[in-house]
Each structure stands twice: as structure tokens, then as C-alpha cells.
Amino acid sequence: MNWITQSYHRALSAAGTKFARLFLYGFSFFESIIIPIPTDPLLAACTHAKPQIWRKIALICALSSVAGGAVGWYLGAFSADYVMQMVNALPHAVMNEEKFTTVAEAFQKLGLPLVLIGAFTPLPFKVIAISAGLFGYPLLSFLVIATIGRIARFLLVGAMVRYHRNGRILMALISAFLVLVLFAFWMIS
């Protein structure tokens, strides 16, 4: 059982280094573009190792993720013509320009809740970011909504790790999380 304790302390020590935090921020950036693994476990480890700076870690992680989301948005925007060529090459019954336009219009109409839900929940944010660019959702609106959602999510994760033993703070955080989720679903309907 001693090796488990030693491994835990080694991992906690490694997570407390500046290199680990830089890795977290880089990982958060690329997770918003291509990496299929969520940032949350790394954020939790770094926050647990350095609880006195949990807000700073969560905020920089969120801003790194939004910067990666902006790159994803540009990838979607620049690939729109290529995707349209692929749509036109498909059989009309499978996909056509009219169906693609319908989806793009729906994204324009429901973009705010889609981006907020994609930024705040464990859904793959990269899919929302690339889709927002692909379907022409305004970049500034995307960045503002993504920033709000990512900051809320990563501050919640960081605070839950930081205050895991304080039941009142934890319940307040979970309540705020549920209110935000309900608000997002209300916006959709």
C-alpha cells in the first residue's frame, strides 16, 4: 500500500510544477481543436497541487481553451467551400445544398445556446467551434459566449477541487451549475 501513497505524492508534486501548468494550458488550447480527451482531469490535478492559485489556473486554462476554439472557428470558416464541394458531390438524397443551408440557418438561430452548452458541458467543444465557423456564426459572438461558458466551467471544476471538503460552498457551486444548465435549456426552447 505504501507504493500507492508514494505514487500519489509524486503525481501531486509533478502537477504542482510550472511545467505542468504550461502543459495544461497548451493541452487546453489543442483540446479545443483536435485532442479528444477533456482538460478537466489535468485542471483538477494542477488545482489540487496548487490550491492557493486555483482561480488563476482555471482562468488561464479557460482563456487557452477559447483561443483554441478561435482556431477551430477559423478552420471551420476556411473549410466551408471544401465542405460545400463535398456536399454537392454526395447523392442528392443523402445531402444537398438546401439541407446544408437549413442546418446553417438553424445554427444561426440556435447558436447562442449551442455555443454556451458546448463551452460549458463535457460535449466536445471542438465540434461546436468548428461548426460555428463552418456555418458562419459570427466570430465575436462565438468568442464572447465561449469565454463565458469556458470560464464558468473551469472555475467550477477548480472550485470543486479546491473546496471539496466544504459542503456549503460545494452545494452553492453545484446549484449555480444547475441554474446555468437550466437557463441554457430554457434559451433553446
N, C-alpha and C. Protein backbone atom coordinates (compact mmCIF):
# COMPACT_ATOMS: atom_id res chain seq x y z
N MET A 1 0.82 -1.19 0.00
CA MET A 1 0.00 0.00 0.00
C MET A 1 0.87 1.25 0.00
N ASN A 2 2.08 1.16 0.45
CA ASN A 2 3.00 2.29 0.51
C ASN A 2 3.31 2.84 -0.87
N TRP A 3 3.40 1.98 -1.88
CA TRP A 3 3.70 2.45 -3.24
C TRP A 3 2.58 3.30 -3.80
N ILE A 4 1.33 3.05 -3.37
CA ILE A 4 0.21 3.88 -3.82
C ILE A 4 0.35 5.29 -3.27
N THR A 5 0.67 5.39 -2.00
CA THR A 5 0.87 6.70 -1.37
C THR A 5 2.04 7.44 -2.01
N GLN A 6 3.12 6.71 -2.26
CA GLN A 6 4.29 7.33 -2.89
C GLN A 6 3.95 7.82 -4.31
N SER A 7 3.21 7.01 -5.06
CA SER A 7 2.81 7.41 -6.42
C SER A 7 1.92 8.64 -6.39
N TYR A 8 1.01 8.68 -5.43
CA TYR A 8 0.12 9.83 -5.29
C TYR A 8 0.93 11.10 -5.02
N HIS A 9 1.86 11.03 -4.10
CA HIS A 9 2.67 12.21 -3.76
C HIS A 9 3.58 12.63 -4.91
N ARG A 10 4.09 11.67 -5.66
CA ARG A 10 4.90 12.00 -6.85
C ARG A 10 4.06 12.71 -7.90
N ALA A 11 2.85 12.20 -8.14
CA ALA A 11 1.96 12.81 -9.12
C ALA A 11 1.55 14.21 -8.67
N LEU A 12 1.26 14.37 -7.40
CA LEU A 12 0.88 15.68 -6.87
C LEU A 12 2.04 16.66 -6.97
N SER A 13 3.22 16.19 -6.71
CA SER A 13 4.41 17.03 -6.84
C SER A 13 4.64 17.47 -8.28
N ALA A 14 4.47 16.54 -9.21
CA ALA A 14 4.64 16.86 -10.63
C ALA A 14 3.56 17.85 -11.09
N ALA A 15 2.33 17.66 -10.62
CA ALA A 15 1.22 18.54 -11.02
C ALA A 15 1.39 19.95 -10.47
N GLY A 16 2.20 20.12 -9.45
CA GLY A 16 2.41 21.43 -8.86
C GLY A 16 3.50 22.26 -9.52
N THR A 17 4.13 21.73 -10.56
CA THR A 17 5.22 22.46 -11.20
C THR A 17 4.69 23.43 -12.25
N LYS A 18 5.52 24.41 -12.57
CA LYS A 18 5.17 25.37 -13.61
C LYS A 18 5.05 24.66 -14.96
N PHE A 19 5.89 23.67 -15.19
CA PHE A 19 5.83 22.91 -16.44
C PHE A 19 4.46 22.23 -16.60
N ALA A 20 3.94 21.68 -15.50
CA ALA A 20 2.63 21.01 -15.56
C ALA A 20 1.54 22.01 -15.92
N ARG A 21 1.61 23.21 -15.36
CA ARG A 21 0.61 24.22 -15.69
C ARG A 21 0.74 24.67 -17.15
N LEU A 22 1.96 24.84 -17.63
CA LEU A 22 2.15 25.20 -19.04
C LEU A 22 1.63 24.09 -19.96
N PHE A 23 1.89 22.85 -19.57
CA PHE A 23 1.36 21.72 -20.34
C PHE A 23 -0.18 21.76 -20.34
N LEU A 24 -0.77 22.05 -19.17
CA LEU A 24 -2.23 22.15 -19.06
C LEU A 24 -2.77 23.21 -20.01
N TYR A 25 -2.15 24.38 -20.05
CA TYR A 25 -2.64 25.46 -20.91
C TYR A 25 -2.50 25.09 -22.39
N GLY A 26 -1.40 24.47 -22.75
CA GLY A 26 -1.23 24.02 -24.14
C GLY A 26 -2.21 22.91 -24.49
N PHE A 27 -2.42 22.00 -23.56
CA PHE A 27 -3.37 20.91 -23.77
C PHE A 27 -4.77 21.47 -23.94
N SER A 28 -5.12 22.46 -23.11
CA SER A 28 -6.44 23.08 -23.19
C SER A 28 -6.64 23.75 -24.55
N PHE A 29 -5.60 24.40 -25.06
CA PHE A 29 -5.66 25.04 -26.38
C PHE A 29 -5.95 24.00 -27.46
N PHE A 30 -5.15 22.93 -27.49
CA PHE A 30 -5.30 21.92 -28.55
C PHE A 30 -6.51 21.02 -28.34
N GLU A 31 -6.98 20.89 -27.11
CA GLU A 31 -8.20 20.11 -26.86
C GLU A 31 -9.39 20.77 -27.55
N SER A 32 -9.35 22.09 -27.69
CA SER A 32 -10.44 22.82 -28.35
C SER A 32 -10.38 22.71 -29.87
N ILE A 33 -9.33 22.09 -30.38
CA ILE A 33 -9.17 21.95 -31.83
C ILE A 33 -9.23 20.48 -32.25
N ILE A 34 -8.46 19.63 -31.57
CA ILE A 34 -8.30 18.27 -32.08
C ILE A 34 -8.22 17.17 -31.02
N ILE A 35 -7.69 17.44 -29.83
CA ILE A 35 -7.47 16.38 -28.84
C ILE A 35 -8.82 15.89 -28.28
N PRO A 36 -9.09 14.58 -28.31
CA PRO A 36 -10.39 14.07 -27.87
C PRO A 36 -10.51 13.87 -26.36
N ILE A 37 -9.48 14.16 -25.58
CA ILE A 37 -9.50 13.95 -24.13
C ILE A 37 -9.81 15.28 -23.45
N PRO A 38 -10.78 15.32 -22.52
CA PRO A 38 -11.10 16.58 -21.85
C PRO A 38 -9.96 17.10 -20.98
N THR A 39 -9.94 18.39 -20.78
CA THR A 39 -8.92 19.07 -19.99
C THR A 39 -9.14 18.90 -18.49
N ASP A 40 -10.34 18.62 -18.08
CA ASP A 40 -10.72 18.64 -16.67
C ASP A 40 -9.83 17.84 -15.73
N PRO A 41 -9.42 16.60 -16.05
CA PRO A 41 -8.56 15.88 -15.11
C PRO A 41 -7.21 16.58 -14.88
N LEU A 42 -6.63 17.14 -15.92
CA LEU A 42 -5.37 17.87 -15.75
C LEU A 42 -5.58 19.14 -14.93
N LEU A 43 -6.67 19.83 -15.19
CA LEU A 43 -7.01 21.02 -14.42
C LEU A 43 -7.20 20.66 -12.95
N ALA A 44 -7.89 19.56 -12.70
CA ALA A 44 -8.11 19.12 -11.32
C ALA A 44 -6.79 18.79 -10.62
N ALA A 45 -5.89 18.12 -11.32
CA ALA A 45 -4.60 17.77 -10.71
C ALA A 45 -3.78 19.02 -10.39
N CYS A 46 -3.71 19.95 -11.33
CA CYS A 46 -2.93 21.18 -11.09
C CYS A 46 -3.56 22.03 -9.99
N THR A 47 -4.88 22.08 -9.95
CA THR A 47 -5.57 22.84 -8.91
C THR A 47 -5.37 22.19 -7.55
N HIS A 48 -5.42 20.88 -7.51
CA HIS A 48 -5.21 20.17 -6.24
C HIS A 48 -3.78 20.37 -5.74
N ALA A 49 -2.83 20.43 -6.66
CA ALA A 49 -1.43 20.60 -6.27
C ALA A 49 -1.14 22.03 -5.82
N LYS A 50 -1.83 23.00 -6.39
CA LYS A 50 -1.61 24.43 -6.06
C LYS A 50 -2.96 25.10 -5.75
N PRO A 51 -3.61 24.73 -4.65
CA PRO A 51 -4.94 25.28 -4.36
C PRO A 51 -4.95 26.79 -4.12
N GLN A 52 -3.83 27.35 -3.72
CA GLN A 52 -3.79 28.78 -3.44
C GLN A 52 -3.91 29.63 -4.70
N ILE A 53 -3.64 29.07 -5.87
CA ILE A 53 -3.77 29.82 -7.13
C ILE A 53 -4.79 29.17 -8.07
N TRP A 54 -5.80 28.52 -7.51
CA TRP A 54 -6.77 27.79 -8.32
C TRP A 54 -7.50 28.68 -9.31
N ARG A 55 -7.83 29.91 -8.92
CA ARG A 55 -8.54 30.81 -9.84
C ARG A 55 -7.68 31.15 -11.05
N LYS A 56 -6.42 31.45 -10.80
CA LYS A 56 -5.50 31.80 -11.88
C LYS A 56 -5.35 30.62 -12.85
N ILE A 57 -5.17 29.44 -12.31
CA ILE A 57 -5.02 28.24 -13.15
C ILE A 57 -6.28 28.04 -14.00
N ALA A 58 -7.46 28.14 -13.38
CA ALA A 58 -8.71 27.91 -14.10
C ALA A 58 -8.94 28.99 -15.17
N LEU A 59 -8.64 30.25 -14.85
CA LEU A 59 -8.86 31.32 -15.82
C LEU A 59 -7.93 31.21 -17.02
N ILE A 60 -6.65 30.94 -16.78
CA ILE A 60 -5.71 30.80 -17.90
C ILE A 60 -6.07 29.57 -18.74
N CYS A 61 -6.50 28.51 -18.08
CA CYS A 61 -6.93 27.31 -18.79
C CYS A 61 -8.13 27.62 -19.68
N ALA A 62 -9.10 28.38 -19.15
CA ALA A 62 -10.29 28.75 -19.92
C ALA A 62 -9.92 29.63 -21.11
N LEU A 63 -9.07 30.61 -20.89
CA LEU A 63 -8.69 31.51 -21.98
C LEU A 63 -7.87 30.76 -23.05
N SER A 64 -7.05 29.80 -22.64
CA SER A 64 -6.33 28.97 -23.60
C SER A 64 -7.31 28.15 -24.44
N SER A 65 -8.34 27.64 -23.79
CA SER A 65 -9.35 26.85 -24.49
C SER A 65 -10.12 27.72 -25.49
N VAL A 66 -10.46 28.94 -25.10
CA VAL A 66 -11.17 29.84 -26.02
C VAL A 66 -10.27 30.20 -27.20
N ALA A 67 -8.98 30.42 -26.95
CA ALA A 67 -8.04 30.71 -28.06
C ALA A 67 -8.00 29.52 -29.02
N GLY A 68 -7.98 28.31 -28.49
CA GLY A 68 -8.04 27.13 -29.35
C GLY A 68 -9.36 27.05 -30.09
N GLY A 69 -10.44 27.44 -29.42
CA GLY A 69 -11.75 27.47 -30.08
C GLY A 69 -11.78 28.46 -31.23
N ALA A 70 -11.07 29.58 -31.08
CA ALA A 70 -10.98 30.55 -32.18
C ALA A 70 -10.27 29.94 -33.39
N VAL A 71 -9.22 29.17 -33.13
CA VAL A 71 -8.53 28.48 -34.22
C VAL A 71 -9.49 27.47 -34.87
N GLY A 72 -10.25 26.75 -34.04
CA GLY A 72 -11.24 25.82 -34.58
C GLY A 72 -12.28 26.53 -35.42
N TRP A 73 -12.73 27.71 -34.96
CA TRP A 73 -13.69 28.50 -35.72
C TRP A 73 -13.12 28.84 -37.10
N TYR A 74 -11.85 29.29 -37.12
CA TYR A 74 -11.20 29.62 -38.40
C TYR A 74 -11.06 28.39 -39.30
N LEU A 75 -10.75 27.25 -38.70
CA LEU A 75 -10.67 26.02 -39.50
C LEU A 75 -12.02 25.72 -40.16
N GLY A 76 -13.10 25.89 -39.40
CA GLY A 76 -14.43 25.68 -39.96
C GLY A 76 -14.75 26.68 -41.05
N ALA A 77 -14.42 27.96 -40.80
CA ALA A 77 -14.72 29.01 -41.78
C ALA A 77 -13.93 28.80 -43.08
N PHE A 78 -12.66 28.43 -42.96
CA PHE A 78 -11.83 28.25 -44.15
C PHE A 78 -12.15 26.97 -44.91
N SER A 79 -12.77 26.01 -44.24
CA SER A 79 -13.10 24.76 -44.91
C SER A 79 -14.52 24.75 -45.47
N ALA A 80 -15.25 25.84 -45.31
CA ALA A 80 -16.66 25.88 -45.74
C ALA A 80 -16.80 25.58 -47.24
N ASP A 81 -15.95 26.18 -48.07
CA ASP A 81 -16.04 25.92 -49.52
C ASP A 81 -15.76 24.47 -49.85
N TYR A 82 -14.76 23.89 -49.20
CA TYR A 82 -14.42 22.49 -49.41
C TYR A 82 -15.58 21.57 -48.98
N VAL A 83 -16.17 21.90 -47.84
CA VAL A 83 -17.30 21.09 -47.36
C VAL A 83 -18.47 21.21 -48.33
N MET A 84 -18.70 22.42 -48.87
CA MET A 84 -19.79 22.61 -49.83
C MET A 84 -19.53 21.79 -51.10
N GLN A 85 -18.29 21.69 -51.54
CA GLN A 85 -17.96 20.86 -52.70
C GLN A 85 -18.26 19.39 -52.40
N MET A 86 -17.94 18.97 -51.18
CA MET A 86 -18.23 17.59 -50.79
C MET A 86 -19.74 17.35 -50.74
N VAL A 87 -20.49 18.32 -50.22
CA VAL A 87 -21.94 18.20 -50.16
C VAL A 87 -22.52 18.06 -51.56
N ASN A 88 -22.02 18.86 -52.49
CA ASN A 88 -22.52 18.80 -53.87
C ASN A 88 -22.13 17.49 -54.57
N ALA A 89 -21.06 16.84 -54.11
CA ALA A 89 -20.63 15.58 -54.72
C ALA A 89 -21.44 14.39 -54.20
N LEU A 90 -22.10 14.56 -53.06
CA LEU A 90 -22.90 13.47 -52.49
C LEU A 90 -24.21 13.31 -53.26
N PRO A 91 -24.79 12.12 -53.18
CA PRO A 91 -26.11 11.94 -53.80
C PRO A 91 -27.12 12.91 -53.19
N HIS A 92 -27.99 13.43 -54.00
CA HIS A 92 -28.96 14.45 -53.58
C HIS A 92 -29.82 13.97 -52.41
N ALA A 93 -30.15 12.69 -52.37
CA ALA A 93 -30.99 12.16 -51.30
C ALA A 93 -30.26 12.15 -49.95
N VAL A 94 -28.94 12.01 -49.98
CA VAL A 94 -28.16 11.97 -48.75
C VAL A 94 -27.95 13.36 -48.19
N MET A 95 -27.43 14.25 -49.02
CA MET A 95 -27.15 15.62 -48.60
C MET A 95 -27.13 16.49 -49.84
N ASN A 96 -27.66 17.69 -49.68
CA ASN A 96 -27.62 18.63 -50.78
C ASN A 96 -27.46 20.04 -50.21
N GLU A 97 -27.32 20.99 -51.10
CA GLU A 97 -27.06 22.36 -50.67
C GLU A 97 -28.23 22.93 -49.85
N GLU A 98 -29.45 22.54 -50.18
CA GLU A 98 -30.62 23.02 -49.43
C GLU A 98 -30.58 22.52 -47.99
N LYS A 99 -30.26 21.25 -47.79
CA LYS A 99 -30.18 20.69 -46.44
C LYS A 99 -29.05 21.36 -45.66
N PHE A 100 -27.93 21.57 -46.32
CA PHE A 100 -26.80 22.22 -45.67
C PHE A 100 -27.18 23.64 -45.25
N THR A 101 -27.86 24.36 -46.11
CA THR A 101 -28.30 25.72 -45.80
C THR A 101 -29.29 25.72 -44.64
N THR A 102 -30.16 24.73 -44.59
CA THR A 102 -31.12 24.61 -43.49
C THR A 102 -30.39 24.42 -42.16
N VAL A 103 -29.38 23.57 -42.16
CA VAL A 103 -28.59 23.36 -40.94
C VAL A 103 -27.85 24.64 -40.57
N ALA A 104 -27.29 25.33 -41.54
CA ALA A 104 -26.58 26.59 -41.27
C ALA A 104 -27.52 27.63 -40.68
N GLU A 105 -28.73 27.73 -41.22
CA GLU A 105 -29.71 28.67 -40.68
C GLU A 105 -30.13 28.30 -39.27
N ALA A 106 -30.27 27.01 -39.00
CA ALA A 106 -30.61 26.56 -37.65
C ALA A 106 -29.49 26.90 -36.68
N PHE A 107 -28.25 26.75 -37.14
CA PHE A 107 -27.12 27.11 -36.27
C PHE A 107 -27.12 28.60 -35.98
N GLN A 108 -27.46 29.40 -36.97
CA GLN A 108 -27.54 30.85 -36.75
C GLN A 108 -28.61 31.18 -35.70
N LYS A 109 -29.74 30.50 -35.79
CA LYS A 109 -30.85 30.76 -34.87
C LYS A 109 -30.55 30.26 -33.46
N LEU A 110 -29.96 29.08 -33.35
CA LEU A 110 -29.71 28.46 -32.05
C LEU A 110 -28.24 28.55 -31.62
N GLY A 111 -27.47 29.41 -32.27
CA GLY A 111 -26.04 29.49 -31.99
C GLY A 111 -25.69 29.81 -30.56
N LEU A 112 -26.39 30.77 -29.95
CA LEU A 112 -26.06 31.15 -28.58
C LEU A 112 -26.16 29.98 -27.61
N PRO A 113 -27.30 29.27 -27.54
CA PRO A 113 -27.34 28.14 -26.61
C PRO A 113 -26.42 27.00 -27.02
N LEU A 114 -26.24 26.77 -28.33
CA LEU A 114 -25.34 25.70 -28.76
C LEU A 114 -23.91 25.96 -28.32
N VAL A 115 -23.44 27.19 -28.52
CA VAL A 115 -22.07 27.52 -28.12
C VAL A 115 -21.94 27.48 -26.61
N LEU A 116 -22.93 28.02 -25.89
CA LEU A 116 -22.88 28.01 -24.43
C LEU A 116 -22.86 26.59 -23.88
N ILE A 117 -23.73 25.73 -24.42
CA ILE A 117 -23.76 24.34 -23.96
C ILE A 117 -22.46 23.63 -24.33
N GLY A 118 -21.96 23.87 -25.54
CA GLY A 118 -20.70 23.25 -25.96
C GLY A 118 -19.52 23.72 -25.13
N ALA A 119 -19.54 24.99 -24.70
CA ALA A 119 -18.44 25.53 -23.92
C ALA A 119 -18.51 25.09 -22.46
N PHE A 120 -19.70 24.86 -21.95
CA PHE A 120 -19.85 24.60 -20.52
C PHE A 120 -19.93 23.12 -20.17
N THR A 121 -20.47 22.32 -21.06
CA THR A 121 -20.67 20.91 -20.75
C THR A 121 -19.50 20.07 -21.27
N PRO A 122 -19.48 18.80 -20.92
CA PRO A 122 -18.41 17.92 -21.43
C PRO A 122 -18.53 17.55 -22.91
N LEU A 123 -19.52 18.09 -23.60
CA LEU A 123 -19.61 17.84 -25.05
C LEU A 123 -18.32 18.34 -25.72
N PRO A 124 -17.92 17.73 -26.82
CA PRO A 124 -16.68 18.15 -27.48
C PRO A 124 -16.78 19.60 -27.99
N PHE A 125 -16.08 20.50 -27.34
CA PHE A 125 -16.10 21.92 -27.69
C PHE A 125 -15.56 22.15 -29.09
N LYS A 126 -14.63 21.30 -29.52
CA LYS A 126 -14.05 21.45 -30.86
C LYS A 126 -15.11 21.31 -31.95
N VAL A 127 -16.10 20.45 -31.73
CA VAL A 127 -17.16 20.27 -32.71
C VAL A 127 -17.99 21.55 -32.83
N ILE A 128 -18.30 22.16 -31.71
CA ILE A 128 -19.07 23.41 -31.72
C ILE A 128 -18.25 24.52 -32.35
N ALA A 129 -16.96 24.61 -32.00
CA ALA A 129 -16.10 25.67 -32.53
C ALA A 129 -15.97 25.58 -34.06
N ILE A 130 -15.68 24.40 -34.54
CA ILE A 130 -15.52 24.21 -35.99
C ILE A 130 -16.85 24.41 -36.70
N SER A 131 -17.93 23.91 -36.11
CA SER A 131 -19.26 24.09 -36.71
C SER A 131 -19.66 25.56 -36.76
N ALA A 132 -19.32 26.31 -35.72
CA ALA A 132 -19.65 27.74 -35.70
C ALA A 132 -18.98 28.45 -36.87
N GLY A 133 -17.73 28.14 -37.13
CA GLY A 133 -17.04 28.73 -38.27
C GLY A 133 -17.59 28.23 -39.60
N LEU A 134 -17.84 26.95 -39.66
CA LEU A 134 -18.35 26.33 -40.89
C LEU A 134 -19.70 26.92 -41.29
N PHE A 135 -20.58 27.13 -40.31
CA PHE A 135 -21.93 27.62 -40.60
C PHE A 135 -22.05 29.14 -40.52
N GLY A 136 -20.91 29.82 -40.38
CA GLY A 136 -20.91 31.27 -40.45
C GLY A 136 -21.42 31.99 -39.22
N TYR A 137 -21.37 31.34 -38.05
CA TYR A 137 -21.77 32.03 -36.83
C TYR A 137 -20.74 33.12 -36.55
N PRO A 138 -21.18 34.33 -36.19
CA PRO A 138 -20.23 35.44 -36.02
C PRO A 138 -19.12 35.14 -35.00
N LEU A 139 -17.89 35.44 -35.39
CA LEU A 139 -16.73 35.14 -34.55
C LEU A 139 -16.81 35.84 -33.21
N LEU A 140 -17.13 37.13 -33.19
CA LEU A 140 -17.17 37.87 -31.93
C LEU A 140 -18.21 37.29 -30.98
N SER A 141 -19.39 36.96 -31.49
CA SER A 141 -20.42 36.33 -30.65
C SER A 141 -19.93 34.99 -30.12
N PHE A 142 -19.30 34.21 -30.99
CA PHE A 142 -18.75 32.93 -30.57
C PHE A 142 -17.75 33.10 -29.45
N LEU A 143 -16.83 34.05 -29.60
CA LEU A 143 -15.78 34.27 -28.60
C LEU A 143 -16.36 34.72 -27.26
N VAL A 144 -17.32 35.61 -27.28
CA VAL A 144 -17.92 36.10 -26.03
C VAL A 144 -18.65 34.97 -25.31
N ILE A 145 -19.48 34.23 -26.02
CA ILE A 145 -20.25 33.15 -25.41
C ILE A 145 -19.32 32.02 -24.95
N ALA A 146 -18.34 31.68 -25.78
CA ALA A 146 -17.39 30.62 -25.41
C ALA A 146 -16.59 31.02 -24.18
N THR A 147 -16.20 32.29 -24.10
CA THR A 147 -15.44 32.75 -22.93
C THR A 147 -16.28 32.62 -21.66
N ILE A 148 -17.53 33.02 -21.73
CA ILE A 148 -18.41 32.91 -20.56
C ILE A 148 -18.56 31.44 -20.15
N GLY A 149 -18.84 30.59 -21.12
CA GLY A 149 -19.05 29.17 -20.82
C GLY A 149 -17.80 28.47 -20.31
N ARG A 150 -16.66 28.73 -20.95
CA ARG A 150 -15.41 28.06 -20.54
C ARG A 150 -14.94 28.56 -19.18
N ILE A 151 -15.04 29.87 -18.93
CA ILE A 151 -14.64 30.38 -17.61
C ILE A 151 -15.54 29.77 -16.53
N ALA A 152 -16.85 29.75 -16.78
CA ALA A 152 -17.77 29.17 -15.79
C ALA A 152 -17.43 27.70 -15.53
N ARG A 153 -17.19 26.96 -16.59
CA ARG A 153 -16.90 25.53 -16.42
C ARG A 153 -15.60 25.30 -15.67
N PHE A 154 -14.52 25.95 -16.10
CA PHE A 154 -13.23 25.67 -15.48
C PHE A 154 -13.12 26.26 -14.07
N LEU A 155 -13.80 27.38 -13.81
CA LEU A 155 -13.86 27.88 -12.43
C LEU A 155 -14.64 26.91 -11.55
N LEU A 156 -15.71 26.33 -12.09
CA LEU A 156 -16.48 25.35 -11.33
C LEU A 156 -15.63 24.13 -11.01
N VAL A 157 -14.93 23.61 -11.99
CA VAL A 157 -14.06 22.44 -11.76
C VAL A 157 -12.97 22.78 -10.74
N GLY A 158 -12.32 23.93 -10.93
CA GLY A 158 -11.27 24.34 -10.00
C GLY A 158 -11.79 24.54 -8.59
N ALA A 159 -12.94 25.18 -8.47
CA ALA A 159 -13.52 25.43 -7.15
C ALA A 159 -13.96 24.13 -6.48
N MET A 160 -14.49 23.20 -7.26
CA MET A 160 -14.91 21.92 -6.68
C MET A 160 -13.70 21.16 -6.13
N VAL A 161 -12.58 21.25 -6.83
CA VAL A 161 -11.36 20.60 -6.33
C VAL A 161 -10.84 21.35 -5.11
N ARG A 162 -10.83 22.66 -5.19
CA ARG A 162 -10.29 23.49 -4.09
C ARG A 162 -11.12 23.35 -2.82
N TYR A 163 -12.44 23.35 -2.96
CA TYR A 163 -13.32 23.34 -1.79
C TYR A 163 -14.04 22.01 -1.59
N HIS A 164 -13.41 20.93 -1.99
CA HIS A 164 -14.08 19.63 -1.96
C HIS A 164 -14.54 19.20 -0.57
N ARG A 165 -13.98 19.76 0.48
CA ARG A 165 -14.37 19.37 1.83
C ARG A 165 -15.35 20.34 2.47
N ASN A 166 -15.68 21.42 1.80
CA ASN A 166 -16.61 22.41 2.34
C ASN A 166 -17.96 22.21 1.67
N GLY A 167 -18.88 21.54 2.37
CA GLY A 167 -20.16 21.18 1.80
C GLY A 167 -21.01 22.35 1.36
N ARG A 168 -20.98 23.45 2.10
CA ARG A 168 -21.81 24.61 1.75
C ARG A 168 -21.34 25.24 0.44
N ILE A 169 -20.05 25.44 0.30
CA ILE A 169 -19.52 26.03 -0.93
C ILE A 169 -19.77 25.09 -2.10
N LEU A 170 -19.56 23.81 -1.88
CA LEU A 170 -19.78 22.83 -2.94
C LEU A 170 -21.24 22.82 -3.39
N MET A 171 -22.18 22.88 -2.45
CA MET A 171 -23.60 22.90 -2.80
C MET A 171 -23.95 24.19 -3.56
N ALA A 172 -23.36 25.31 -3.16
CA ALA A 172 -23.61 26.57 -3.88
C ALA A 172 -23.09 26.47 -5.31
N LEU A 173 -21.92 25.88 -5.50
CA LEU A 173 -21.35 25.72 -6.83
C LEU A 173 -22.21 24.80 -7.69
N ILE A 174 -22.64 23.71 -7.14
CA ILE A 174 -23.47 22.77 -7.89
C ILE A 174 -24.81 23.43 -8.24
N SER A 175 -25.37 24.19 -7.31
CA SER A 175 -26.63 24.90 -7.59
C SER A 175 -26.44 25.90 -8.72
N ALA A 176 -25.34 26.65 -8.70
CA ALA A 176 -25.07 27.61 -9.77
C ALA A 176 -24.92 26.89 -11.10
N PHE A 177 -24.28 25.74 -11.09
CA PHE A 177 -24.12 24.92 -12.29
C PHE A 177 -25.49 24.51 -12.84
N LEU A 178 -26.36 24.02 -11.97
CA LEU A 178 -27.69 23.59 -12.40
C LEU A 178 -28.52 24.76 -12.94
N VAL A 179 -28.41 25.92 -12.32
CA VAL A 179 -29.14 27.10 -12.80
C VAL A 179 -28.66 27.47 -14.19
N LEU A 180 -27.34 27.43 -14.42
CA LEU A 180 -26.81 27.77 -15.74
C LEU A 180 -27.27 26.76 -16.79
N VAL A 181 -27.28 25.49 -16.45
CA VAL A 181 -27.75 24.46 -17.39
C VAL A 181 -29.23 24.65 -17.71
N LEU A 182 -30.04 24.90 -16.68
CA LEU A 182 -31.46 25.13 -16.90
C LEU A 182 -31.69 26.38 -17.75
N PHE A 183 -30.91 27.42 -17.51
CA PHE A 183 -31.01 28.65 -18.31
C PHE A 183 -30.68 28.35 -19.77
N ALA A 184 -29.65 27.57 -20.00
CA ALA A 184 -29.27 27.22 -21.37
C ALA A 184 -30.39 26.42 -22.05
N PHE A 185 -30.98 25.46 -21.35
CA PHE A 185 -32.08 24.69 -21.95
C PHE A 185 -33.31 25.57 -22.18
N TRP A 186 -33.56 26.52 -21.28
CA TRP A 186 -34.67 27.45 -21.47
C TRP A 186 -34.47 28.29 -22.72
N MET A 187 -33.20 28.70 -22.97
CA MET A 187 -32.90 29.51 -24.14
C MET A 187 -33.16 28.72 -25.42
N ILE A 188 -32.92 27.43 -25.39
CA ILE A 188 -33.12 26.60 -26.58
C ILE A 188 -34.60 26.47 -26.91
N SER A 189 -35.42 26.30 -25.87
CA SER A 189 -36.85 26.07 -26.15
C SER A 189 -37.62 27.32 -26.46
